[in-house]
PDB file of all heavy atoms in Angstrom:
ATOM      1  N   ASN A   1     139.911 117.872  36.730  1.00  0.00           N
ATOM      2  CA  ASN A   1     139.154 116.640  36.480  1.00  0.00           C
ATOM      3  C   ASN A   1     139.523 115.986  35.154  1.00  0.00           C
ATOM      4  O   ASN A   1     139.016 114.904  34.841  1.00  0.00           O
ATOM      5  CB  ASN A   1     137.648 116.931  36.496  1.00  0.00           C
ATOM      6  CG  ASN A   1     137.134 117.265  37.883  1.00  0.00           C
ATOM      7  OD1 ASN A   1     137.735 116.881  38.888  1.00  0.00           O
ATOM      8  ND2 ASN A   1     136.021 117.980  37.950  1.00  0.00           N
ATOM      9  N   ILE A   2     140.378 116.643  34.369  1.00  0.00           N
ATOM     10  CA  ILE A   2     140.774 116.086  33.074  1.00  0.00           C
ATOM     11  C   ILE A   2     141.915 115.095  33.273  1.00  0.00           C
ATOM     12  O   ILE A   2     142.943 115.436  33.863  1.00  0.00           O
ATOM     13  CB  ILE A   2     141.212 117.198  32.108  1.00  0.00           C
ATOM     14  CG1 ILE A   2     140.061 118.173  31.859  1.00  0.00           C
ATOM     15  CG2 ILE A   2     141.697 116.595  30.785  1.00  0.00           C
ATOM     16  CD1 ILE A   2     140.452 119.374  31.005  1.00  0.00           C
ATOM     17  N   LEU A   3     141.734 113.871  32.794  1.00  0.00           N
ATOM     18  CA  LEU A   3     142.789 112.861  32.841  1.00  0.00           C
ATOM     19  C   LEU A   3     143.767 113.052  31.680  1.00  0.00           C
ATOM     20  O   LEU A   3     144.966 113.195  31.882  1.00  0.00           O
ATOM     21  CB  LEU A   3     142.179 111.464  32.759  1.00  0.00           C
ATOM     22  CG  LEU A   3     141.395 110.970  33.981  1.00  0.00           C
ATOM     23  CD1 LEU A   3     140.581 109.747  33.607  1.00  0.00           C
ATOM     24  CD2 LEU A   3     142.358 110.642  35.111  1.00  0.00           C
ATOM     25  N   TYR A   4     143.229 113.031  30.471  1.00  0.00           N
ATOM     26  CA  TYR A   4     144.075 113.224  29.291  1.00  0.00           C
ATOM     27  C   TYR A   4     143.206 113.607  28.106  1.00  0.00           C
ATOM     28  O   TYR A   4     141.965 113.485  28.134  1.00  0.00           O
ATOM     29  CB  TYR A   4     144.890 111.969  28.971  1.00  0.00           C
ATOM     30  CG  TYR A   4     144.100 110.765  28.499  1.00  0.00           C
ATOM     31  CD1 TYR A   4     144.008 110.435  27.143  1.00  0.00           C
ATOM     32  CD2 TYR A   4     143.475 109.920  29.412  1.00  0.00           C
ATOM     33  CE1 TYR A   4     143.314 109.320  26.717  1.00  0.00           C
ATOM     34  CE2 TYR A   4     142.777 108.798  28.999  1.00  0.00           C
ATOM     35  CZ  TYR A   4     142.693 108.501  27.646  1.00  0.00           C
ATOM     36  OH  TYR A   4     141.984 107.399  27.224  1.00  0.00           O
ATOM     37  N   CYS A   5     143.854 114.087  27.057  1.00  0.00           N
ATOM     38  CA  CYS A   5     143.191 114.457  25.807  1.00  0.00           C
ATOM     39  C   CYS A   5     143.784 113.610  24.689  1.00  0.00           C
ATOM     40  O   CYS A   5     145.000 113.369  24.659  1.00  0.00           O
ATOM     41  CB  CYS A   5     143.396 115.933  25.500  1.00  0.00           C
ATOM     42  SG  CYS A   5     142.813 117.064  26.781  1.00  0.00           S
ATOM     43  N   GLU A   6     142.937 113.190  23.789  1.00  0.00           N
ATOM     44  CA  GLU A   6     143.375 112.324  22.689  1.00  0.00           C
ATOM     45  C   GLU A   6     143.001 112.948  21.348  1.00  0.00           C
ATOM     46  O   GLU A   6     141.855 113.379  21.154  1.00  0.00           O
ATOM     47  CB  GLU A   6     142.730 110.945  22.804  1.00  0.00           C
ATOM     48  CG  GLU A   6     143.126 109.983  21.691  1.00  0.00           C
ATOM     49  CD  GLU A   6     142.454 108.633  21.807  1.00  0.00           C
ATOM     50  OE1 GLU A   6     141.563 108.474  22.677  1.00  0.00           O
ATOM     51  OE2 GLU A   6     142.811 107.731  21.038  1.00  0.00           O
ATOM     52  N   ALA A   7     143.936 112.997  20.414  1.00  0.00           N
ATOM     53  CA  ALA A   7     143.675 113.539  19.080  1.00  0.00           C
ATOM     54  C   ALA A   7     142.754 112.608  18.307  1.00  0.00           C
ATOM     55  O   ALA A   7     142.884 111.383  18.351  1.00  0.00           O
ATOM     56  CB  ALA A   7     144.997 113.711  18.321  1.00  0.00           C
ATOM     57  N   ASP A   8     141.809 113.210  17.593  1.00  0.00           N
ATOM     58  CA  ASP A   8     140.891 112.470  16.731  1.00  0.00           C
ATOM     59  C   ASP A   8     140.668 113.317  15.479  1.00  0.00           C
ATOM     60  O   ASP A   8     139.672 114.010  15.362  1.00  0.00           O
ATOM     61  CB  ASP A   8     139.574 112.202  17.463  1.00  0.00           C
ATOM     62  CG  ASP A   8     138.644 111.282  16.672  1.00  0.00           C
ATOM     63  OD1 ASP A   8     139.038 110.849  15.567  1.00  0.00           O
ATOM     64  OD2 ASP A   8     137.527 111.007  17.155  1.00  0.00           O
ATOM     65  N   ASP A   9     141.644 113.264  14.556  1.00  0.00           N
ATOM     66  CA  ASP A   9     141.671 114.137  13.378  1.00  0.00           C
ATOM     67  C   ASP A   9     141.630 115.592  13.837  1.00  0.00           C
ATOM     68  O   ASP A   9     142.486 116.009  14.592  1.00  0.00           O
ATOM     69  CB  ASP A   9     140.514 113.792  12.431  1.00  0.00           C
ATOM     70  CG  ASP A   9     140.719 112.432  11.778  1.00  0.00           C
ATOM     71  OD1 ASP A   9     141.880 112.051  11.541  1.00  0.00           O
ATOM     72  OD2 ASP A   9     139.729 111.736  11.513  1.00  0.00           O
ATOM     73  N   ASN A  10     140.635 116.347  13.394  1.00  0.00           N
ATOM     74  CA  ASN A  10     140.531 117.751  13.791  1.00  0.00           C
ATOM     75  C   ASN A  10     139.717 117.934  15.065  1.00  0.00           C
ATOM     76  O   ASN A  10     139.359 119.063  15.423  1.00  0.00           O
ATOM     77  CB  ASN A  10     139.919 118.578  12.658  1.00  0.00           C
ATOM     78  CG  ASN A  10     140.870 118.726  11.484  1.00  0.00           C
ATOM     79  OD1 ASN A  10     142.076 118.860  11.670  1.00  0.00           O
ATOM     80  ND2 ASN A  10     140.341 118.699  10.276  1.00  0.00           N
ATOM     81  N   TYR A  11     139.418 116.849  15.725  1.00  0.00           N
ATOM     82  CA  TYR A  11     138.693 116.873  16.994  1.00  0.00           C
ATOM     83  C   TYR A  11     139.620 116.415  18.117  1.00  0.00           C
ATOM     84  O   TYR A  11     140.693 115.874  17.888  1.00  0.00           O
ATOM     85  CB  TYR A  11     137.469 115.952  16.943  1.00  0.00           C
ATOM     86  CG  TYR A  11     136.350 116.449  16.068  1.00  0.00           C
ATOM     87  CD1 TYR A  11     136.418 116.330  14.678  1.00  0.00           C
ATOM     88  CD2 TYR A  11     135.218 117.039  16.612  1.00  0.00           C
ATOM     89  CE1 TYR A  11     135.382 116.793  13.868  1.00  0.00           C
ATOM     90  CE2 TYR A  11     134.171 117.500  15.816  1.00  0.00           C
ATOM     91  CZ  TYR A  11     134.265 117.364  14.452  1.00  0.00           C
ATOM     92  OH  TYR A  11     133.250 117.821  13.655  1.00  0.00           O
ATOM     93  N   THR A  12     139.177 116.643  19.338  1.00  0.00           N
ATOM     94  CA  THR A  12     139.898 116.151  20.506  1.00  0.00           C
ATOM     95  C   THR A  12     138.912 115.487  21.457  1.00  0.00           C
ATOM     96  O   THR A  12     137.854 116.053  21.753  1.00  0.00           O
ATOM     97  CB  THR A  12     140.617 117.296  21.247  1.00  0.00           C
ATOM     98  OG1 THR A  12     141.608 117.862  20.383  1.00  0.00           O
ATOM     99  CG2 THR A  12     141.295 116.788  22.513  1.00  0.00           C
ATOM    100  N   LYS A  13     139.265 114.288  21.906  1.00  0.00           N
ATOM    101  CA  LYS A  13     138.482 113.619  22.945  1.00  0.00           C
ATOM    102  C   LYS A  13     139.093 113.987  24.297  1.00  0.00           C
ATOM    103  O   LYS A  13     140.288 113.787  24.513  1.00  0.00           O
ATOM    104  CB  LYS A  13     138.512 112.106  22.761  1.00  0.00           C
ATOM    105  CG  LYS A  13     137.801 111.608  21.516  1.00  0.00           C
ATOM    106  CD  LYS A  13     137.927 110.089  21.389  1.00  0.00           C
ATOM    107  CE  LYS A  13     137.253 109.576  20.126  1.00  0.00           C
ATOM    108  NZ  LYS A  13     137.471 108.108  19.956  1.00  0.00           N
ATOM    109  N   ILE A  14     138.282 114.516  25.167  1.00  0.00           N
ATOM    110  CA  ILE A  14     138.733 114.877  26.508  1.00  0.00           C
ATOM    111  C   ILE A  14     138.201 113.833  27.484  1.00  0.00           C
ATOM    112  O   ILE A  14     136.990 113.678  27.643  1.00  0.00           O
ATOM    113  CB  ILE A  14     138.239 116.279  26.909  1.00  0.00           C
ATOM    114  CG1 ILE A  14     138.762 117.327  25.927  1.00  0.00           C
ATOM    115  CG2 ILE A  14     138.681 116.612  28.333  1.00  0.00           C
ATOM    116  CD1 ILE A  14     138.267 118.726  26.224  1.00  0.00           C
ATOM    117  N   TYR A  15     139.117 113.121  28.128  1.00  0.00           N
ATOM    118  CA  TYR A  15     138.734 112.087  29.090  1.00  0.00           C
ATOM    119  C   TYR A  15     138.805 112.667  30.499  1.00  0.00           C
ATOM    120  O   TYR A  15     139.828 113.202  30.917  1.00  0.00           O
ATOM    121  CB  TYR A  15     139.651 110.873  28.961  1.00  0.00           C
ATOM    122  CG  TYR A  15     139.461 110.119  27.664  1.00  0.00           C
ATOM    123  CD1 TYR A  15     140.146 110.508  26.506  1.00  0.00           C
ATOM    124  CD2 TYR A  15     138.590 109.044  27.581  1.00  0.00           C
ATOM    125  CE1 TYR A  15     139.962 109.845  25.306  1.00  0.00           C
ATOM    126  CE2 TYR A  15     138.403 108.354  26.381  1.00  0.00           C
ATOM    127  CZ  TYR A  15     139.089 108.768  25.256  1.00  0.00           C
ATOM    128  OH  TYR A  15     138.908 108.095  24.069  1.00  0.00           O
ATOM    129  N   LEU A  16     137.703 112.546  31.218  1.00  0.00           N
ATOM    130  CA  LEU A  16     137.585 113.099  32.555  1.00  0.00           C
ATOM    131  C   LEU A  16     137.608 111.997  33.598  1.00  0.00           C
ATOM    132  O   LEU A  16     137.557 110.804  33.263  1.00  0.00           O
ATOM    133  CB  LEU A  16     136.273 113.885  32.670  1.00  0.00           C
ATOM    134  CG  LEU A  16     136.056 114.975  31.613  1.00  0.00           C
ATOM    135  CD1 LEU A  16     134.602 115.422  31.601  1.00  0.00           C
ATOM    136  CD2 LEU A  16     136.972 116.146  31.876  1.00  0.00           C
ATOM    137  N   ASP A  17     137.669 112.387  34.873  1.00  0.00           N
ATOM    138  CA  ASP A  17     137.549 111.391  35.941  1.00  0.00           C
ATOM    139  C   ASP A  17     136.263 110.588  35.755  1.00  0.00           C
ATOM    140  O   ASP A  17     136.215 109.397  36.020  1.00  0.00           O
ATOM    141  CB  ASP A  17     137.532 112.088  37.310  1.00  0.00           C
ATOM    142  CG  ASP A  17     138.897 112.659  37.670  1.00  0.00           C
ATOM    143  OD1 ASP A  17     139.911 112.056  37.277  1.00  0.00           O
ATOM    144  OD2 ASP A  17     138.942 113.701  38.335  1.00  0.00           O
ATOM    145  N   LYS A  18     135.222 111.269  35.280  1.00  0.00           N
ATOM    146  CA  LYS A  18     133.956 110.603  34.977  1.00  0.00           C
ATOM    147  C   LYS A  18     133.463 111.101  33.618  1.00  0.00           C
ATOM    148  O   LYS A  18     133.097 112.256  33.472  1.00  0.00           O
ATOM    149  CB  LYS A  18     132.907 110.918  36.052  1.00  0.00           C
ATOM    150  CG  LYS A  18     133.242 110.334  37.428  1.00  0.00           C
ATOM    151  CD  LYS A  18     132.146 110.650  38.437  1.00  0.00           C
ATOM    152  CE  LYS A  18     132.482 110.059  39.806  1.00  0.00           C
ATOM    153  NZ  LYS A  18     131.428 110.373  40.813  1.00  0.00           N
ATOM    154  N   GLY A  19     133.486 110.222  32.635  1.00  0.00           N
ATOM    155  CA  GLY A  19     132.969 110.563  31.316  1.00  0.00           C
ATOM    156  C   GLY A  19     134.009 111.134  30.379  1.00  0.00           C
ATOM    157  O   GLY A  19     135.200 111.205  30.696  1.00  0.00           O
ATOM    158  N   GLN A  20     133.543 111.543  29.206  1.00  0.00           N
ATOM    159  CA  GLN A  20     134.424 112.118  28.196  1.00  0.00           C
ATOM    160  C   GLN A  20     133.650 113.098  27.330  1.00  0.00           C
ATOM    161  O   GLN A  20     132.417 113.076  27.289  1.00  0.00           O
ATOM    162  CB  GLN A  20     135.050 111.026  27.320  1.00  0.00           C
ATOM    163  CG  GLN A  20     134.051 110.274  26.438  1.00  0.00           C
ATOM    164  CD  GLN A  20     134.721 109.176  25.646  1.00  0.00           C
ATOM    165  OE1 GLN A  20     135.184 108.189  26.186  1.00  0.00           O
ATOM    166  NE2 GLN A  20     134.754 109.351  24.331  1.00  0.00           N
ATOM    167  N   LYS A  21     134.384 113.974  26.628  1.00  0.00           N
ATOM    168  CA  LYS A  21     133.803 114.981  25.756  1.00  0.00           C
ATOM    169  C   LYS A  21     134.518 114.948  24.408  1.00  0.00           C
ATOM    170  O   LYS A  21     135.708 114.665  24.342  1.00  0.00           O
ATOM    171  CB  LYS A  21     133.945 116.391  26.356  1.00  0.00           C
ATOM    172  CG  LYS A  21     133.443 116.538  27.783  1.00  0.00           C
ATOM    173  CD  LYS A  21     131.935 116.478  27.869  1.00  0.00           C
ATOM    174  CE  LYS A  21     131.475 116.635  29.314  1.00  0.00           C
ATOM    175  NZ  LYS A  21     129.996 116.525  29.416  1.00  0.00           N
ATOM    176  N   LEU A  22     133.787 115.231  23.347  1.00  0.00           N
ATOM    177  CA  LEU A  22     134.376 115.365  22.021  1.00  0.00           C
ATOM    178  C   LEU A  22     134.242 116.823  21.601  1.00  0.00           C
ATOM    179  O   LEU A  22     133.138 117.367  21.572  1.00  0.00           O
ATOM    180  CB  LEU A  22     133.670 114.459  21.011  1.00  0.00           C
ATOM    181  CG  LEU A  22     134.222 114.491  19.579  1.00  0.00           C
ATOM    182  CD1 LEU A  22     135.652 113.977  19.536  1.00  0.00           C
ATOM    183  CD2 LEU A  22     133.333 113.686  18.638  1.00  0.00           C
ATOM    184  N   VAL A  23     135.376 117.453  21.290  1.00  0.00           N
ATOM    185  CA  VAL A  23     135.395 118.883  21.001  1.00  0.00           C
ATOM    186  C   VAL A  23     136.016 119.119  19.625  1.00  0.00           C
ATOM    187  O   VAL A  23     137.010 118.483  19.264  1.00  0.00           O
ATOM    188  CB  VAL A  23     136.212 119.651  22.076  1.00  0.00           C
ATOM    189  CG1 VAL A  23     136.137 121.151  21.825  1.00  0.00           C
ATOM    190  CG2 VAL A  23     135.700 119.319  23.471  1.00  0.00           C
ATOM    191  N   SER A  24     135.428 120.045  18.878  1.00  0.00           N
ATOM    192  CA  SER A  24     135.924 120.330  17.519  1.00  0.00           C
ATOM    193  C   SER A  24     137.106 121.293  17.554  1.00  0.00           C
ATOM    194  O   SER A  24     137.074 122.385  16.986  1.00  0.00           O
ATOM    195  CB  SER A  24     134.801 120.903  16.653  1.00  0.00           C
ATOM    196  OG  SER A  24     134.281 122.082  17.231  1.00  0.00           O
ATOM    197  N   LYS A  25     138.150 120.894  18.270  1.00  0.00           N
ATOM    198  CA  LYS A  25     139.422 121.607  18.305  1.00  0.00           C
ATOM    199  C   LYS A  25     140.540 120.574  18.232  1.00  0.00           C
ATOM    200  O   LYS A  25     140.382 119.435  18.692  1.00  0.00           O
ATOM    201  CB  LYS A  25     139.563 122.427  19.592  1.00  0.00           C
ATOM    202  CG  LYS A  25     138.667 123.661  19.645  1.00  0.00           C
ATOM    203  CD  LYS A  25     139.139 124.717  18.670  1.00  0.00           C
ATOM    204  CE  LYS A  25     138.267 125.946  18.708  1.00  0.00           C
ATOM    205  NZ  LYS A  25     138.686 126.957  17.720  1.00  0.00           N
ATOM    206  N   THR A  26     141.669 120.965  17.665  1.00  0.00           N
ATOM    207  CA  THR A  26     142.788 120.036  17.541  1.00  0.00           C
ATOM    208  C   THR A  26     143.481 119.847  18.887  1.00  0.00           C
ATOM    209  O   THR A  26     143.360 120.679  19.800  1.00  0.00           O
ATOM    210  CB  THR A  26     143.820 120.544  16.526  1.00  0.00           C
ATOM    211  OG1 THR A  26     144.376 121.773  17.012  1.00  0.00           O
ATOM    212  CG2 THR A  26     143.174 120.770  15.163  1.00  0.00           C
ATOM    213  N   LEU A  27     144.238 118.768  18.992  1.00  0.00           N
ATOM    214  CA  LEU A  27     145.007 118.518  20.208  1.00  0.00           C
ATOM    215  C   LEU A  27     146.052 119.611  20.407  1.00  0.00           C
ATOM    216  O   LEU A  27     146.351 119.994  21.551  1.00  0.00           O
ATOM    217  CB  LEU A  27     145.686 117.147  20.128  1.00  0.00           C
ATOM    218  CG  LEU A  27     146.356 116.663  21.419  1.00  0.00           C
ATOM    219  CD1 LEU A  27     145.341 116.500  22.542  1.00  0.00           C
ATOM    220  CD2 LEU A  27     147.085 115.344  21.174  1.00  0.00           C
ATOM    221  N   LYS A  28     146.609 120.140  19.326  1.00  0.00           N
ATOM    222  CA  LYS A  28     147.568 121.234  19.417  1.00  0.00           C
ATOM    223  C   LYS A  28     146.957 122.435  20.118  1.00  0.00           C
ATOM    224  O   LYS A  28     147.607 123.116  20.918  1.00  0.00           O
ATOM    225  CB  LYS A  28     148.039 121.611  18.008  1.00  0.00           C
ATOM    226  CG  LYS A  28     149.030 122.782  17.959  1.00  0.00           C
ATOM    227  CD  LYS A  28     150.360 122.420  18.581  1.00  0.00           C
ATOM    228  CE  LYS A  28     151.370 123.527  18.387  1.00  0.00           C
ATOM    229  NZ  LYS A  28     152.655 123.239  19.053  1.00  0.00           N
ATOM    230  N   TYR A  29     145.702 122.688  19.842  1.00  0.00           N
ATOM    231  CA  TYR A  29     145.010 123.811  20.480  1.00  0.00           C
ATOM    232  C   TYR A  29     144.974 123.624  21.992  1.00  0.00           C
ATOM    233  O   TYR A  29     145.267 124.549  22.755  1.00  0.00           O
ATOM    234  CB  TYR A  29     143.588 123.931  19.930  1.00  0.00           C
ATOM    235  CG  TYR A  29     142.834 125.125  20.464  1.00  0.00           C
ATOM    236  CD1 TYR A  29     142.827 126.327  19.767  1.00  0.00           C
ATOM    237  CD2 TYR A  29     142.144 125.065  21.668  1.00  0.00           C
ATOM    238  CE1 TYR A  29     142.161 127.435  20.250  1.00  0.00           C
ATOM    239  CE2 TYR A  29     141.474 126.168  22.163  1.00  0.00           C
ATOM    240  CZ  TYR A  29     141.482 127.352  21.449  1.00  0.00           C
ATOM    241  OH  TYR A  29     140.816 128.440  21.953  1.00  0.00           O
ATOM    242  N   PHE A  30     144.635 122.414  22.438  1.00  0.00           N
ATOM    243  CA  PHE A  30     144.555 122.166  23.878  1.00  0.00           C
ATOM    244  C   PHE A  30     145.939 122.138  24.516  1.00  0.00           C
ATOM    245  O   PHE A  30     146.100 122.528  25.671  1.00  0.00           O
ATOM    246  CB  PHE A  30     143.793 120.872  24.155  1.00  0.00           C
ATOM    247  CG  PHE A  30     142.307 121.039  24.026  1.00  0.00           C
ATOM    248  CD1 PHE A  30     141.653 120.650  22.876  1.00  0.00           C
ATOM    249  CD2 PHE A  30     141.573 121.613  25.037  1.00  0.00           C
ATOM    250  CE1 PHE A  30     140.287 120.820  22.740  1.00  0.00           C
ATOM    251  CE2 PHE A  30     140.211 121.805  24.925  1.00  0.00           C
ATOM    252  CZ  PHE A  30     139.566 121.406  23.769  1.00  0.00           C
ATOM    253  N   GLU A  31     146.932 121.692  23.761  1.00  0.00           N
ATOM    254  CA  GLU A  31     148.290 121.723  24.282  1.00  0.00           C
ATOM    255  C   GLU A  31     148.702 123.161  24.594  1.00  0.00           C
ATOM    256  O   GLU A  31     149.267 123.445  25.659  1.00  0.00           O
ATOM    257  CB  GLU A  31     149.255 121.109  23.267  1.00  0.00           C
ATOM    258  CG  GLU A  31     150.703 121.091  23.736  1.00  0.00           C
ATOM    259  CD  GLU A  31     151.646 120.516  22.694  1.00  0.00           C
ATOM    260  OE1 GLU A  31     151.201 120.272  21.553  1.00  0.00           O
ATOM    261  OE2 GLU A  31     152.830 120.311  23.022  1.00  0.00           O
ATOM    262  N   GLU A  32     148.398 124.071  23.701  1.00  0.00           N
ATOM    263  CA  GLU A  32     148.746 125.473  23.915  1.00  0.00           C
ATOM    264  C   GLU A  32     147.913 126.090  25.038  1.00  0.00           C
ATOM    265  O   GLU A  32     148.387 126.957  25.776  1.00  0.00           O
ATOM    266  CB  GLU A  32     148.547 126.248  22.619  1.00  0.00           C
ATOM    267  CG  GLU A  32     149.528 125.842  21.524  1.00  0.00           C
ATOM    268  CD  GLU A  32     149.224 126.486  20.192  1.00  0.00           C
ATOM    269  OE1 GLU A  32     148.154 127.131  20.073  1.00  0.00           O
ATOM    270  OE2 GLU A  32     150.041 126.341  19.260  1.00  0.00           O
ATOM    271  N   SER A  33     146.659 125.651  25.174  1.00  0.00           N
ATOM    272  CA  SER A  33     145.781 126.217  26.199  1.00  0.00           C
ATOM    273  C   SER A  33     146.108 125.707  27.596  1.00  0.00           C
ATOM    274  O   SER A  33     145.937 126.432  28.580  1.00  0.00           O
ATOM    275  CB  SER A  33     144.321 125.887  25.868  1.00  0.00           C
ATOM    276  OG  SER A  33     143.927 126.451  24.644  1.00  0.00           O
ATOM    277  N   LEU A  34     146.588 124.465  27.685  1.00  0.00           N
ATOM    278  CA  LEU A  34     146.755 123.826  28.996  1.00  0.00           C
ATOM    279  C   LEU A  34     148.215 123.676  29.427  1.00  0.00           C
ATOM    280  O   LEU A  34     148.487 123.100  30.477  1.00  0.00           O
ATOM    281  CB  LEU A  34     146.086 122.442  28.982  1.00  0.00           C
ATOM    282  CG  LEU A  34     144.560 122.449  28.807  1.00  0.00           C
ATOM    283  CD1 LEU A  34     144.045 121.035  28.564  1.00  0.00           C
ATOM    284  CD2 LEU A  34     143.875 123.059  30.027  1.00  0.00           C
ATOM    285  N   ASN A  35     149.143 124.190  28.651  1.00  0.00           N
ATOM    286  CA  ASN A  35     150.560 123.962  28.983  1.00  0.00           C
ATOM    287  C   ASN A  35     150.987 124.637  30.284  1.00  0.00           C
ATOM    288  O   ASN A  35     152.002 124.258  30.869  1.00  0.00           O
ATOM    289  CB  ASN A  35     151.476 124.375  27.824  1.00  0.00           C
ATOM    290  CG  ASN A  35     151.421 125.874  27.536  1.00  0.00           C
ATOM    291  OD1 ASN A  35     150.645 126.605  28.131  1.00  0.00           O
ATOM    292  ND2 ASN A  35     152.239 126.312  26.599  1.00  0.00           N
ATOM    293  N   LEU A  36     150.238 125.617  30.741  1.00  0.00           N
ATOM    294  CA  LEU A  36     150.569 126.261  32.016  1.00  0.00           C
ATOM    295  C   LEU A  36     149.783 125.654  33.177  1.00  0.00           C
ATOM    296  O   LEU A  36     149.843 126.164  34.298  1.00  0.00           O
ATOM    297  CB  LEU A  36     150.283 127.767  31.932  1.00  0.00           C
ATOM    298  CG  LEU A  36     151.113 128.562  30.912  1.00  0.00           C
ATOM    299  CD1 LEU A  36     150.699 130.023  30.924  1.00  0.00           C
ATOM    300  CD2 LEU A  36     152.601 128.418  31.202  1.00  0.00           C
ATOM    301  N   HIS A  37     149.080 124.575  32.908  1.00  0.00           N
ATOM    302  CA  HIS A  37     148.242 123.948  33.929  1.00  0.00           C
ATOM    303  C   HIS A  37     148.659 122.503  34.201  1.00  0.00           C
ATOM    304  O   HIS A  37     147.838 121.674  34.583  1.00  0.00           O
ATOM    305  CB  HIS A  37     146.773 124.007  33.495  1.00  0.00           C
ATOM    306  CG  HIS A  37     146.238 125.405  33.426  1.00  0.00           C
ATOM    307  ND1 HIS A  37     145.604 126.024  34.471  1.00  0.00           N
ATOM    308  CD2 HIS A  37     146.293 126.320  32.423  1.00  0.00           C
ATOM    309  CE1 HIS A  37     145.260 127.253  34.120  1.00  0.00           C
ATOM    310  NE2 HIS A  37     145.675 127.454  32.884  1.00  0.00           N
ATOM    311  N   GLY A  38     149.946 122.206  33.980  1.00  0.00           N
ATOM    312  CA  GLY A  38     150.464 120.894  34.332  1.00  0.00           C
ATOM    313  C   GLY A  38     150.114 119.787  33.359  1.00  0.00           C
ATOM    314  O   GLY A  38     149.997 118.621  33.762  1.00  0.00           O
ATOM    315  N   PHE A  39     149.976 120.108  32.078  1.00  0.00           N
ATOM    316  CA  PHE A  39     149.695 119.101  31.063  1.00  0.00           C
ATOM    317  C   PHE A  39     150.920 118.908  30.181  1.00  0.00           C
ATOM    318  O   PHE A  39     151.586 119.879  29.803  1.00  0.00           O
ATOM    319  CB  PHE A  39     148.502 119.508  30.204  1.00  0.00           C
ATOM    320  CG  PHE A  39     147.164 119.236  30.861  1.00  0.00           C
ATOM    321  CD1 PHE A  39     146.750 119.996  31.934  1.00  0.00           C
ATOM    322  CD2 PHE A  39     146.350 118.215  30.415  1.00  0.00           C
ATOM    323  CE1 PHE A  39     145.531 119.761  32.554  1.00  0.00           C
ATOM    324  CE2 PHE A  39     145.133 117.953  31.018  1.00  0.00           C
ATOM    325  CZ  PHE A  39     144.729 118.737  32.097  1.00  0.00           C
ATOM    326  N   ALA A  40     151.204 117.654  29.851  1.00  0.00           N
ATOM    327  CA  ALA A  40     152.391 117.334  29.046  1.00  0.00           C
ATOM    328  C   ALA A  40     151.981 116.555  27.805  1.00  0.00           C
ATOM    329  O   ALA A  40     151.179 115.615  27.888  1.00  0.00           O
ATOM    330  CB  ALA A  40     153.392 116.524  29.862  1.00  0.00           C
ATOM    331  N   ARG A  41     152.549 116.919  26.682  1.00  0.00           N
ATOM    332  CA  ARG A  41     152.344 116.174  25.432  1.00  0.00           C
ATOM    333  C   ARG A  41     153.299 114.989  25.468  1.00  0.00           C
ATOM    334  O   ARG A  41     154.518 115.157  25.425  1.00  0.00           O
ATOM    335  CB  ARG A  41     152.635 117.078  24.238  1.00  0.00           C
ATOM    336  CG  ARG A  41     152.315 116.469  22.875  1.00  0.00           C
ATOM    337  CD  ARG A  41     150.815 116.413  22.614  1.00  0.00           C
ATOM    338  NE  ARG A  41     150.516 115.966  21.261  1.00  0.00           N
ATOM    339  CZ  ARG A  41     150.257 116.788  20.244  1.00  0.00           C
ATOM    340  NH1 ARG A  41     150.261 118.099  20.429  1.00  0.00           N
ATOM    341  NH2 ARG A  41     149.974 116.295  19.054  1.00  0.00           N
TER     342      ARG A  41
END
């Protein structure tokens, strides 16, 4: 359901099919977590 993630300083905005989330993790963190799930930087 995740469309894309956007860097926001030390936070990441996660955009979903419906809505969005703000998480206190860097975009690099999500890149490493999701790289085996079809996500591209």
